[in-house]
Amino acid sequence: MEKFNIVFSGELKDGWTIEQVAVGLGQLFKVDPVGLRKKIFVDSSVVLKKDLTLEQAQKYEAAMAERGASVTIASQEKIDEEPASMAHHEAIKAIDAKLAEAGALLIEPKVDEPVNFDISHLSLLEAGVNLIESVATAEPRYNLERFQIKKLDE
């Protein structure tokens, strides 16, 4: 039975950006889009899936086209039989893309180490204690003799 590979050469469908395609393919393959982008948007063609039947290859081609990637289906037999005819694909690199299990972490969480601050010179006071000594201020003096209080209707 003839086997096929899905080859991506970095070409995008009209109206798609590299970021959109990387996110779409990342969701399809259940991998980190940033890491995938670094691996597939290179100067050479990349084999995204290999050892597929024609039917499987066509399904992947359609799924990737829906996500903006323009891929080709390459026969493995032709590649094995005619390496000279693939001169423009000499730099084809394969990535090991596998489907992740549902709920799997795609990116390892970053663990920040706590910072060790020297707080030995600090102390706590009891509740209700003033932390700052109060400063006496003079009361403002207002002369209100010239003001009168009247009812609104007067």
C-alpha atoms as a PDB file:
ATOM      1  CA  MET A   1       0.000   0.000   0.000  1.00  0.00           C
ATOM      2  CA  GLU A   2       1.367   3.392  -0.983  1.00  0.00           C
ATOM      3  CA  LYS A   3       2.129   5.823   1.865  1.00  0.00           C
ATOM      4  CA  PHE A   4       2.099   9.616   1.744  1.00  0.00           C
ATOM      5  CA  ASN A   5       3.592  12.571   3.591  1.00  0.00           C
ATOM      6  CA  ILE A   6       2.138  16.010   4.246  1.00  0.00           C
ATOM      7  CA  VAL A   7       4.780  18.601   3.284  1.00  0.00           C
ATOM      8  CA  PHE A   8       4.578  22.260   4.335  1.00  0.00           C
ATOM      9  CA  SER A   9       6.805  24.769   2.581  1.00  0.00           C
ATOM     10  CA  GLY A  10       5.698  27.869   4.493  1.00  0.00           C
ATOM     11  CA  GLU A  11       3.036  28.983   1.996  1.00  0.00           C
ATOM     12  CA  LEU A  12      -0.162  30.449   3.434  1.00  0.00           C
ATOM     13  CA  LYS A  13      -3.636  30.706   1.971  1.00  0.00           C
ATOM     14  CA  ASP A  14      -4.713  34.224   0.950  1.00  0.00           C
ATOM     15  CA  GLY A  15      -5.734  36.416   3.876  1.00  0.00           C
ATOM     16  CA  TRP A  16      -3.990  34.354   6.562  1.00  0.00           C
ATOM     17  CA  THR A  17      -1.108  35.472   8.791  1.00  0.00           C
ATOM     18  CA  ILE A  18       1.702  33.338  10.167  1.00  0.00           C
ATOM     19  CA  GLU A  19       0.324  33.790  13.701  1.00  0.00           C
ATOM     20  CA  GLN A  20      -3.173  32.630  12.698  1.00  0.00           C
ATOM     21  CA  VAL A  21      -1.810  29.567  10.892  1.00  0.00           C
ATOM     22  CA  ALA A  22       0.511  28.665  13.783  1.00  0.00           C
ATOM     23  CA  VAL A  23      -2.378  28.859  16.267  1.00  0.00           C
ATOM     24  CA  GLY A  24      -4.677  26.827  13.985  1.00  0.00           C
ATOM     25  CA  LEU A  25      -2.105  24.109  13.345  1.00  0.00           C
ATOM     26  CA  GLY A  26      -1.158  24.115  17.033  1.00  0.00           C
ATOM     27  CA  GLN A  27      -4.787  23.386  17.897  1.00  0.00           C
ATOM     28  CA  LEU A  28      -4.988  20.697  15.198  1.00  0.00           C
ATOM     29  CA  PHE A  29      -1.849  18.898  16.399  1.00  0.00           C
ATOM     30  CA  LYS A  30      -2.418  19.858  20.063  1.00  0.00           C
ATOM     31  CA  VAL A  31       1.035  21.423  20.428  1.00  0.00           C
ATOM     32  CA  ASP A  32       2.347  24.793  21.556  1.00  0.00           C
ATOM     33  CA  PRO A  33       1.784  27.242  18.649  1.00  0.00           C
ATOM     34  CA  VAL A  34       4.938  29.232  19.444  1.00  0.00           C
ATOM     35  CA  GLY A  35       7.156  26.141  19.329  1.00  0.00           C
ATOM     36  CA  LEU A  36       5.384  24.868  16.214  1.00  0.00           C
ATOM     37  CA  ARG A  37       5.865  28.219  14.487  1.00  0.00           C
ATOM     38  CA  LYS A  38       9.614  28.074  15.108  1.00  0.00           C
ATOM     39  CA  LYS A  39       9.801  24.554  13.660  1.00  0.00           C
ATOM     40  CA  ILE A  40       7.670  24.879  10.519  1.00  0.00           C
ATOM     41  CA  PHE A  41       8.275  28.446   9.331  1.00  0.00           C
ATOM     42  CA  VAL A  42      11.861  27.864   8.249  1.00  0.00           C
ATOM     43  CA  ASP A  43      13.765  28.273   4.982  1.00  0.00           C
ATOM     44  CA  SER A  44      12.997  24.718   3.868  1.00  0.00           C
ATOM     45  CA  SER A  45      10.017  22.402   3.518  1.00  0.00           C
ATOM     46  CA  VAL A  46       8.914  20.423   6.550  1.00  0.00           C
ATOM     47  CA  VAL A  47       7.153  17.040   6.702  1.00  0.00           C
ATOM     48  CA  LEU A  48       4.253  17.575   9.092  1.00  0.00           C
ATOM     49  CA  LYS A  49       2.821  14.038   8.934  1.00  0.00           C
ATOM     50  CA  LYS A  50       4.230  10.881   7.385  1.00  0.00           C
ATOM     51  CA  ASP A  51       3.196   7.295   6.659  1.00  0.00           C
ATOM     52  CA  LEU A  52      -0.398   8.222   5.821  1.00  0.00           C
ATOM     53  CA  THR A  53      -2.848   6.570   3.469  1.00  0.00           C
ATOM     54  CA  LEU A  54      -4.102   8.767   0.638  1.00  0.00           C
ATOM     55  CA  GLU A  55      -7.437   9.217   2.424  1.00  0.00           C
ATOM     56  CA  GLN A  56      -5.723  10.289   5.673  1.00  0.00           C
ATOM     57  CA  ALA A  57      -3.411  12.635   3.770  1.00  0.00           C
ATOM     58  CA  GLN A  58      -6.359  14.279   2.017  1.00  0.00           C
ATOM     59  CA  LYS A  59      -8.138  14.782   5.362  1.00  0.00           C
ATOM     60  CA  TYR A  60      -5.041  16.429   6.828  1.00  0.00           C
ATOM     61  CA  GLU A  61      -4.626  18.565   3.717  1.00  0.00           C
ATOM     62  CA  ALA A  62      -8.235  19.790   4.036  1.00  0.00           C
ATOM     63  CA  ALA A  63      -7.916  20.393   7.794  1.00  0.00           C
ATOM     64  CA  MET A  64      -4.721  22.395   7.297  1.00  0.00           C
ATOM     65  CA  ALA A  65      -6.238  24.367   4.423  1.00  0.00           C
ATOM     66  CA  GLU A  66      -9.113  25.364   6.751  1.00  0.00           C
ATOM     67  CA  ARG A  67      -6.441  26.735   9.096  1.00  0.00           C
ATOM     68  CA  GLY A  68      -4.675  28.724   6.354  1.00  0.00           C
ATOM     69  CA  ALA A  69      -1.753  26.406   5.551  1.00  0.00           C
ATOM     70  CA  SER A  70      -1.021  25.445   1.963  1.00  0.00           C
ATOM     71  CA  VAL A  71       0.420  21.907   2.070  1.00  0.00           C
ATOM     72  CA  THR A  72       1.220  19.256  -0.518  1.00  0.00           C
ATOM     73  CA  ILE A  73       0.764  15.504  -0.437  1.00  0.00           C
ATOM     74  CA  ALA A  74       3.988  13.738  -1.407  1.00  0.00           C
ATOM     75  CA  SER A  75       4.236  10.026  -2.115  1.00  0.00           C
ATOM     76  CA  GLN A  76       6.894   8.272  -0.037  1.00  0.00           C
ATOM     77  CA  GLU A  77       7.570   5.791  -2.829  1.00  0.00           C
ATOM     78  CA  LYS A  78       8.414   8.572  -5.270  1.00  0.00           C
ATOM     79  CA  ILE A  79      10.731  10.150  -2.743  1.00  0.00           C
ATOM     80  CA  ASP A  80      12.483   6.808  -2.145  1.00  0.00           C
ATOM     81  CA  GLU A  81      12.662   5.927  -5.853  1.00  0.00           C
ATOM     82  CA  GLU A  82      13.570   9.321  -7.284  1.00  0.00           C
ATOM     83  CA  PRO A  83      15.660  11.353  -4.864  1.00  0.00           C
ATOM     84  CA  ALA A  84      17.109  13.394  -7.737  1.00  0.00           C
ATOM     85  CA  SER A  85      13.645  14.607  -8.763  1.00  0.00           C
ATOM     86  CA  MET A  86      13.191  16.037  -5.286  1.00  0.00           C
ATOM     87  CA  ALA A  87      16.212  18.326  -5.570  1.00  0.00           C
ATOM     88  CA  HIS A  88      14.097  21.348  -4.573  1.00  0.00           C
ATOM     89  CA  HIS A  89      13.052  19.444  -1.423  1.00  0.00           C
ATOM     90  CA  GLU A  90      16.578  18.453  -0.347  1.00  0.00           C
ATOM     91  CA  ALA A  91      16.215  20.376   2.873  1.00  0.00           C
ATOM     92  CA  ILE A  92      12.951  18.711   3.940  1.00  0.00           C
ATOM     93  CA  LYS A  93      12.934  18.291   7.683  1.00  0.00           C
ATOM     94  CA  ALA A  94      10.521  16.114   9.605  1.00  0.00           C
ATOM     95  CA  ILE A  95       8.997  17.145  12.896  1.00  0.00           C
ATOM     96  CA  ASP A  96       7.690  14.609  15.336  1.00  0.00           C
ATOM     97  CA  ALA A  97       4.112  15.853  15.747  1.00  0.00           C
ATOM     98  CA  LYS A  98       1.793  13.617  17.728  1.00  0.00           C
ATOM     99  CA  LEU A  99      -1.680  14.179  19.074  1.00  0.00           C
ATOM    100  CA  ALA A 100      -1.725  14.960  22.775  1.00  0.00           C
ATOM    101  CA  GLU A 101      -4.178  13.334  25.140  1.00  0.00           C
ATOM    102  CA  ALA A 102      -7.217  15.371  26.118  1.00  0.00           C
ATOM    103  CA  GLY A 103      -6.375  17.645  29.036  1.00  0.00           C
ATOM    104  CA  ALA A 104      -2.607  17.284  28.593  1.00  0.00           C
ATOM    105  CA  LEU A 105      -0.433  20.296  29.382  1.00  0.00           C
ATOM    106  CA  LEU A 106       1.078  21.623  26.158  1.00  0.00           C
ATOM    107  CA  ILE A 107       3.398  24.060  27.885  1.00  0.00           C
ATOM    108  CA  GLU A 108       5.204  23.292  31.102  1.00  0.00           C
ATOM    109  CA  PRO A 109       4.132  25.827  33.712  1.00  0.00           C
ATOM    110  CA  LYS A 110       6.846  28.252  34.740  1.00  0.00           C
ATOM    111  CA  VAL A 111       7.647  28.031  38.431  1.00  0.00           C
ATOM    112  CA  ASP A 112       9.010  31.211  39.920  1.00  0.00           C
ATOM    113  CA  GLU A 113      11.362  30.742  42.838  1.00  0.00           C
ATOM    114  CA  PRO A 114      10.490  32.904  45.845  1.00  0.00           C
ATOM    115  CA  VAL A 115      12.845  35.789  46.530  1.00  0.00           C
ATOM    116  CA  ASN A 116      14.565  35.686  49.916  1.00  0.00           C
ATOM    117  CA  PHE A 117      14.289  39.166  51.430  1.00  0.00           C
ATOM    118  CA  ASP A 118      16.142  39.998  54.652  1.00  0.00           C
ATOM    119  CA  ILE A 119      13.428  41.208  57.031  1.00  0.00           C
ATOM    120  CA  SER A 120      15.301  40.521  60.268  1.00  0.00           C
ATOM    121  CA  HIS A 121      15.474  44.270  61.018  1.00  0.00           C
ATOM    122  CA  LEU A 122      11.670  44.639  60.921  1.00  0.00           C
ATOM    123  CA  SER A 123       9.234  44.034  63.785  1.00  0.00           C
ATOM    124  CA  LEU A 124       5.489  44.044  64.319  1.00  0.00           C
ATOM    125  CA  LEU A 125       3.710  46.216  66.885  1.00  0.00           C
ATOM    126  CA  GLU A 126       0.472  45.380  68.642  1.00  0.00           C
ATOM    127  CA  ALA A 127      -2.813  46.292  66.990  1.00  0.00           C
ATOM    128  CA  GLY A 128      -3.884  49.883  67.616  1.00  0.00           C
ATOM    129  CA  VAL A 129      -0.414  51.268  68.195  1.00  0.00           C
ATOM    130  CA  ASN A 130       0.392  54.467  66.304  1.00  0.00           C
ATOM    131  CA  LEU A 131       3.277  53.907  63.928  1.00  0.00           C
ATOM    132  CA  ILE A 132       3.947  57.625  63.525  1.00  0.00           C
ATOM    133  CA  GLU A 133       4.131  60.118  66.358  1.00  0.00           C
ATOM    134  CA  SER A 134       1.439  62.701  66.017  1.00  0.00           C
ATOM    135  CA  VAL A 135       2.443  66.312  65.431  1.00  0.00           C
ATOM    136  CA  ALA A 136       0.463  69.057  67.125  1.00  0.00           C
ATOM    137  CA  THR A 137      -1.101  71.501  64.697  1.00  0.00           C
ATOM    138  CA  ALA A 138      -2.789  74.784  65.534  1.00  0.00           C
ATOM    139  CA  GLU A 139      -6.522  74.926  65.040  1.00  0.00           C
ATOM    140  CA  PRO A 140      -7.545  77.226  62.224  1.00  0.00           C
ATOM    141  CA  ARG A 141      -9.158  80.456  63.405  1.00  0.00           C
ATOM    142  CA  TYR A 142     -12.134  81.638  61.418  1.00  0.00           C
ATOM    143  CA  ASN A 143     -14.009  84.888  61.969  1.00  0.00           C
ATOM    144  CA  LEU A 144     -17.638  84.063  61.227  1.00  0.00           C
ATOM    145  CA  GLU A 145     -19.192  87.202  62.763  1.00  0.00           C
ATOM    146  CA  ARG A 146     -20.146  88.747  59.449  1.00  0.00           C
ATOM    147  CA  PHE A 147     -22.132  85.680  58.329  1.00  0.00           C
ATOM    148  CA  GLN A 148     -25.815  85.171  59.163  1.00  0.00           C
ATOM    149  CA  ILE A 149     -28.062  82.154  58.973  1.00  0.00           C
ATOM    150  CA  LYS A 150     -31.435  82.828  57.316  1.00  0.00           C
ATOM    151  CA  LYS A 151     -34.287  80.680  56.193  1.00  0.00           C
ATOM    152  CA  LEU A 152     -34.521  79.952  52.470  1.00  0.00           C
ATOM    153  CA  ASP A 153     -37.717  81.913  51.900  1.00  0.00           C
ATOM    154  CA  GLU A 154     -36.481  85.171  53.531  1.00  0.00           C
END
